[in-house]
Amino acid sequence: MVTKCVIAAAGRGTRFLPVVKGYPKELIAILDKPNIQYLIEEAIGAGINQIAIVHRTGEHSIEKYFTPDAELEAYLTKNNKLEFLNSLKNIWSKCKLTFIEQAADLPYGNASPLLAAKDFIGNDNFVYMFGDDLTVEPIPGQFLAKMISTFDQYQASVVIAVKDVGQEEISRYGSAQYVNDPQYPNRISAMLEKLPADQAPSTMAQGGRFVVSASKIFPVLNTQGLSRDNELWFADAENTLAKTDIVLTQAFEGDQDWMTTGDPLRWLEANIAMALKNPGFRDDLIKFIKNI
């Protein structure tokens, strides 16, 4: 049973400067909630009840956002507006949040938050999320629950979320290189980073969701060297495991989708996608777009 989740939120978000000079990009809103809140609600929906958020040293804005504020609650109660905090109250009642500073001496890269969260994870299997990726689905947590089920069923070392992004987009992402293994459907031999479309082994792009075996991943991360960019990449650890162990993918399908929000254009696209699925925004947004 997977009950722990680590969310990586320690990056600088340079593509969003200057707006993120004052706060992390994970607090930029998608409609009426910060991006990172959707991730937490997704994890809760999949049965996670312990969540660690790894953030930059000295940056405490995310922790402040998710900490109860008695003065604000008193004000909202007095003005009959306490319902505006209902989504946060739901989080506080259903999971324990832990905030971990990523030490400045850790290397740059999307695997470093796991080293920072090693004590939190212990020997437990866990979910790993990139903080600027969004799952768009009717009920939060459905897709992640499916990933966890696949992880348990096949006793995998890692299950990776993937999406078919087509030839035009695959060069922006890591692409899955599949092997023919009837015993383990969707098994990969590698996740290859940002190859030209004509060299990519598939159009299945890596999304920012992983279910991970702690006992398998940490021996790799503890000895893994830096990439040629002097960064510590999670994909390198996946590829090392894939040589000797079971690494699988789970594809977004049907009404479940993955979107990255890591740059202004794709953040805008994510806002539109979420608004079109929200009855409170959909009709007015369509009317606005038609009148432009």
Protein backbone atom coordinates (compact mmCIF):
# COMPACT_ATOMS: atom_id res chain seq x y z
CA MET A 1 0.00 0.00 0.00
CA VAL A 2 1.47 3.37 -1.07
CA THR A 3 0.66 6.17 1.37
CA LYS A 4 3.57 8.62 0.92
CA CYS A 5 4.16 11.26 -1.73
CA VAL A 6 7.06 13.63 -2.44
CA ILE A 7 6.43 16.80 -4.46
CA ALA A 8 9.42 18.54 -6.01
CA ALA A 9 9.09 22.31 -5.62
CA ALA A 10 12.70 23.43 -5.26
CA GLY A 11 13.35 24.89 -8.70
CA ARG A 12 13.88 28.55 -9.54
CA GLY A 13 11.16 28.75 -12.19
CA THR A 14 13.28 31.06 -14.34
CA ARG A 15 10.84 30.89 -17.26
CA PHE A 16 8.33 32.72 -15.06
CA LEU A 17 10.61 35.57 -14.02
CA PRO A 18 10.09 38.23 -12.91
CA VAL A 19 6.79 37.15 -11.33
CA VAL A 20 8.38 34.31 -9.32
CA LYS A 21 11.05 36.54 -7.85
CA GLY A 22 8.80 36.87 -4.79
CA TYR A 23 7.34 33.36 -4.50
CA PRO A 24 7.71 29.84 -5.98
CA LYS A 25 6.20 29.02 -9.37
CA GLU A 26 4.19 26.24 -7.71
CA LEU A 27 2.03 28.94 -6.08
CA ILE A 28 1.03 30.47 -9.42
CA ALA A 29 -2.72 29.96 -9.67
CA ILE A 30 -4.57 27.65 -12.02
CA LEU A 31 -8.02 29.26 -11.89
CA ASP A 32 -8.72 29.75 -8.19
CA LYS A 33 -6.04 27.56 -6.57
CA PRO A 34 -2.24 27.35 -6.68
CA ASN A 35 -0.85 24.73 -9.03
CA ILE A 36 0.59 22.71 -6.14
CA GLN A 37 -2.78 22.43 -4.40
CA TYR A 38 -4.13 20.41 -7.32
CA LEU A 39 -1.23 17.98 -6.86
CA ILE A 40 -1.98 17.54 -3.18
CA GLU A 41 -5.68 16.96 -3.90
CA GLU A 42 -4.69 14.42 -6.56
CA ALA A 43 -2.50 12.54 -4.09
CA ILE A 44 -5.24 12.52 -1.45
CA GLY A 45 -7.69 11.20 -4.04
CA ALA A 46 -5.34 8.26 -4.68
CA GLY A 47 -5.19 7.34 -0.99
CA ILE A 48 -2.03 9.20 0.00
CA ASN A 49 -2.07 10.58 3.56
CA GLN A 50 1.56 11.69 4.04
CA ILE A 51 2.94 14.33 1.67
CA ALA A 52 6.37 15.97 1.71
CA ILE A 53 6.97 19.16 -0.25
CA VAL A 54 10.65 19.76 -1.02
CA HIS A 55 11.36 23.47 -1.41
CA ARG A 56 14.32 25.82 -1.75
CA THR A 57 16.39 26.68 1.28
CA GLY A 58 15.03 29.81 2.93
CA GLU A 59 11.80 29.83 0.87
CA HIS A 60 8.77 29.27 3.09
CA SER A 61 5.88 30.68 1.02
CA ILE A 62 4.42 27.25 0.25
CA GLU A 63 4.54 26.24 3.90
CA LYS A 64 2.87 29.51 4.89
CA TYR A 65 0.10 28.97 2.33
CA PHE A 66 -0.70 25.50 3.69
CA THR A 67 -0.54 26.52 7.38
CA PRO A 68 -3.83 27.40 9.13
CA ASP A 69 -4.24 31.13 9.81
CA ALA A 70 -6.40 31.79 12.87
CA GLU A 71 -6.69 35.53 12.16
CA LEU A 72 -7.87 34.95 8.59
CA GLU A 73 -10.35 32.29 9.71
CA ALA A 74 -11.76 34.65 12.33
CA TYR A 75 -12.20 37.37 9.69
CA LEU A 76 -13.91 35.01 7.24
CA THR A 77 -16.15 33.62 9.96
CA LYS A 78 -17.22 37.13 10.95
CA ASN A 79 -18.08 37.94 7.31
CA ASN A 80 -19.76 34.58 6.56
CA LYS A 81 -17.09 33.66 4.01
CA LEU A 82 -15.38 30.73 5.73
CA GLU A 83 -16.37 28.45 2.83
CA PHE A 84 -13.55 30.02 0.82
CA LEU A 85 -11.15 27.93 2.90
CA ASN A 86 -13.05 24.66 2.47
CA SER A 87 -10.55 23.17 0.02
CA LEU A 88 -7.67 23.84 2.40
CA LYS A 89 -9.62 22.52 5.38
CA ASN A 90 -10.22 19.33 3.43
CA ILE A 91 -6.45 18.93 2.91
CA TRP A 92 -5.69 19.56 6.57
CA SER A 93 -8.21 16.92 7.63
CA LYS A 94 -7.04 14.20 5.24
CA CYS A 95 -3.25 14.29 5.14
CA LYS A 96 -0.14 15.27 7.03
CA LEU A 97 2.05 17.79 5.22
CA THR A 98 5.81 17.88 5.78
CA PHE A 99 8.02 20.68 4.42
CA ILE A 100 11.64 19.87 3.63
CA GLU A 101 14.36 22.30 2.59
CA GLN A 102 16.58 21.07 -0.21
CA ALA A 103 20.10 21.71 1.02
CA ALA A 104 22.15 24.06 -1.13
CA ASP A 105 24.98 21.52 -1.36
CA LEU A 106 22.80 19.01 -3.22
CA PRO A 107 23.31 19.00 -6.99
CA TYR A 108 20.85 20.71 -9.31
CA GLY A 109 18.43 18.31 -11.00
CA ASN A 110 15.01 16.73 -10.64
CA ALA A 111 16.30 13.75 -8.63
CA SER A 112 17.81 15.87 -5.84
CA PRO A 113 14.47 16.41 -4.00
CA LEU A 114 14.41 12.67 -3.33
CA LEU A 115 17.78 12.84 -1.61
CA ALA A 116 16.44 15.72 0.48
CA ALA A 117 13.36 13.64 1.39
CA LYS A 118 15.22 10.40 2.10
CA ASP A 119 14.44 10.39 5.83
CA PHE A 120 10.75 11.12 5.15
CA ILE A 121 10.53 8.25 2.64
CA GLY A 122 12.46 5.68 4.66
CA ASN A 123 11.97 2.23 3.12
CA ASP A 124 8.40 2.88 2.02
CA ASN A 125 7.26 2.83 -1.59
CA PHE A 126 6.13 6.30 -2.62
CA VAL A 127 4.71 8.59 -5.27
CA TYR A 128 6.97 11.25 -6.79
CA MET A 129 5.49 14.33 -8.47
CA PHE A 130 7.08 17.17 -10.39
CA GLY A 131 5.59 20.38 -9.02
CA ASP A 132 4.88 22.06 -12.37
CA ASP A 133 2.91 19.19 -13.91
CA LEU A 134 -0.87 18.93 -13.77
CA THR A 135 -3.21 15.97 -14.12
CA VAL A 136 -6.55 16.96 -15.65
CA GLU A 137 -9.27 14.43 -14.83
CA PRO A 138 -12.91 14.35 -13.68
CA ILE A 139 -12.11 13.01 -10.20
CA PRO A 140 -8.70 13.89 -8.69
CA GLY A 141 -6.50 10.88 -8.04
CA GLN A 142 -8.10 8.37 -10.42
CA PHE A 143 -5.11 8.14 -12.74
CA LEU A 144 -2.59 8.04 -9.89
CA ALA A 145 -4.57 5.26 -8.23
CA LYS A 146 -4.32 3.31 -11.50
CA MET A 147 -0.53 3.80 -11.48
CA ILE A 148 -0.32 2.51 -7.91
CA SER A 149 -2.41 -0.53 -8.85
CA THR A 150 -0.04 -1.31 -11.75
CA PHE A 151 2.96 -0.88 -9.45
CA ASP A 152 1.50 -3.34 -6.93
CA GLN A 153 0.31 -5.84 -9.54
CA TYR A 154 3.66 -6.21 -11.29
CA GLN A 155 5.97 -5.50 -8.33
CA ALA A 156 7.71 -2.88 -10.47
CA SER A 157 10.65 -0.79 -9.37
CA VAL A 158 9.15 2.29 -11.05
CA VAL A 159 5.91 3.07 -12.88
CA ILE A 160 6.13 6.19 -15.07
CA ALA A 161 3.21 8.26 -16.32
CA VAL A 162 3.34 8.84 -20.09
CA LYS A 163 1.26 10.61 -22.70
CA ASP A 164 1.20 10.23 -26.47
CA VAL A 165 2.14 13.77 -27.56
CA GLY A 166 2.68 13.00 -31.25
CA GLN A 167 5.62 13.70 -33.55
CA GLU A 168 5.41 17.48 -33.30
CA GLU A 169 5.88 17.64 -29.52
CA ILE A 170 8.00 14.62 -28.60
CA SER A 171 11.31 16.45 -29.03
CA ARG A 172 10.44 18.57 -25.97
CA TYR A 173 10.24 15.55 -23.66
CA GLY A 174 11.78 12.25 -22.71
CA SER A 175 10.41 9.42 -24.86
CA ALA A 176 9.83 5.81 -23.82
CA GLN A 177 11.80 3.02 -25.48
CA TYR A 178 9.66 -0.10 -25.15
CA VAL A 179 10.67 -3.76 -25.09
CA ASN A 180 8.52 -6.71 -26.10
CA ASP A 181 7.82 -8.54 -22.84
CA PRO A 182 4.44 -10.36 -22.69
CA GLN A 183 4.81 -10.87 -18.94
CA TYR A 184 5.15 -7.15 -18.25
CA PRO A 185 3.01 -4.93 -20.53
CA ASN A 186 4.45 -1.49 -21.30
CA ARG A 187 7.91 -2.38 -20.01
CA ILE A 188 10.66 0.00 -21.09
CA SER A 189 14.40 -0.33 -21.52
CA ALA A 190 15.04 3.43 -21.29
CA MET A 191 13.53 6.89 -21.21
CA LEU A 192 15.50 8.94 -23.74
CA GLU A 193 15.65 12.70 -23.25
CA LYS A 194 14.60 15.27 -25.86
CA LEU A 195 15.62 13.52 -29.04
CA PRO A 196 14.66 14.87 -32.48
CA ALA A 197 11.32 13.45 -33.57
CA ASP A 198 12.90 11.21 -36.20
CA GLN A 199 15.17 9.66 -33.55
CA ALA A 200 12.69 9.31 -30.68
CA PRO A 201 11.86 5.63 -29.99
CA SER A 202 8.18 6.45 -29.45
CA THR A 203 5.81 9.42 -29.08
CA MET A 204 5.06 8.47 -25.48
CA ALA A 205 6.38 11.38 -23.40
CA GLN A 206 7.28 11.17 -19.75
CA GLY A 207 4.84 12.99 -17.49
CA GLY A 208 5.60 14.20 -14.00
CA ARG A 209 4.15 11.27 -12.04
CA PHE A 210 6.03 8.23 -10.75
CA VAL A 211 5.38 5.38 -8.34
CA VAL A 212 8.71 4.27 -6.94
CA SER A 213 10.25 1.50 -4.88
CA ALA A 214 12.42 3.16 -2.23
CA SER A 215 14.54 0.02 -1.77
CA LYS A 216 15.36 0.02 -5.50
CA ILE A 217 15.81 3.73 -6.23
CA PHE A 218 18.05 4.90 -3.39
CA PRO A 219 20.96 2.50 -4.02
CA VAL A 220 21.01 3.93 -7.55
CA LEU A 221 20.68 7.59 -6.54
CA ASN A 222 23.33 7.24 -3.84
CA THR A 223 25.93 6.16 -6.40
CA GLN A 224 24.69 7.88 -9.53
CA GLY A 225 27.00 10.36 -11.15
CA LEU A 226 25.90 13.68 -12.58
CA SER A 227 24.84 14.00 -16.19
CA ARG A 228 26.89 15.83 -18.78
CA ASP A 229 24.97 18.96 -17.72
CA ASN A 230 26.24 18.44 -14.15
CA GLU A 231 22.70 17.72 -12.99
CA LEU A 232 21.19 14.78 -11.11
CA TRP A 233 18.42 13.43 -13.37
CA PHE A 234 15.68 11.06 -12.24
CA ALA A 235 15.53 9.66 -15.79
CA ASP A 236 19.12 8.43 -15.39
CA ALA A 237 18.09 6.45 -12.31
CA GLU A 238 15.08 5.02 -14.18
CA ASN A 239 17.33 3.92 -17.02
CA THR A 240 19.78 2.26 -14.67
CA LEU A 241 16.97 0.28 -13.04
CA ALA A 242 15.46 -0.62 -16.40
CA LYS A 243 18.62 -2.55 -17.31
CA THR A 244 18.04 -5.15 -14.58
CA ASP A 245 14.59 -4.52 -13.11
CA ILE A 246 10.97 -3.88 -14.07
CA VAL A 247 10.22 -0.32 -15.15
CA LEU A 248 6.74 0.18 -16.63
CA THR A 249 4.67 3.02 -18.04
CA GLN A 250 1.05 4.00 -17.47
CA ALA A 251 -0.55 6.05 -20.25
CA PHE A 252 -3.03 8.88 -19.87
CA GLU A 253 -6.14 7.89 -21.82
CA GLY A 254 -9.72 9.01 -22.38
CA ASP A 255 -10.80 11.84 -20.09
CA GLN A 256 -7.54 11.77 -18.13
CA ASP A 257 -4.79 14.08 -19.36
CA TRP A 258 -1.40 15.48 -18.39
CA MET A 259 -0.29 19.05 -18.93
CA THR A 260 2.94 20.78 -18.01
CA THR A 261 2.63 24.27 -16.53
CA GLY A 262 6.35 25.07 -16.51
CA ASP A 263 6.26 28.02 -18.92
CA PRO A 264 3.74 30.87 -19.44
CA LEU A 265 2.17 29.50 -22.63
CA ARG A 266 1.55 26.03 -21.26
CA TRP A 267 0.39 27.50 -17.95
CA LEU A 268 -2.20 29.48 -19.93
CA GLU A 269 -3.23 26.34 -21.82
CA ALA A 270 -3.66 24.51 -18.51
CA ASN A 271 -5.88 27.31 -17.18
CA ILE A 272 -8.07 27.10 -20.26
CA ALA A 273 -8.27 23.30 -20.10
CA MET A 274 -9.26 23.37 -16.44
CA ALA A 275 -11.78 26.16 -17.01
CA LEU A 276 -13.47 24.28 -19.84
CA LYS A 277 -14.00 21.33 -17.51
CA ASN A 278 -15.41 23.52 -14.72
CA PRO A 279 -19.15 24.32 -14.97
CA GLY A 280 -18.57 27.58 -13.10
CA PHE A 281 -16.22 28.89 -15.81
CA ARG A 282 -16.98 26.96 -19.00
CA ASP A 283 -19.89 28.87 -20.56
CA ASP A 284 -18.54 32.35 -19.82
CA LEU A 285 -15.09 31.42 -21.14
CA ILE A 286 -16.48 30.00 -24.38
CA LYS A 287 -18.57 33.15 -24.83
CA PHE A 288 -15.52 35.34 -24.23
CA ILE A 289 -13.35 33.40 -26.72
CA LYS A 290 -16.04 33.56 -29.41
CA ASN A 291 -16.26 37.35 -29.02
CA ILE A 292 -12.53 38.02 -29.31
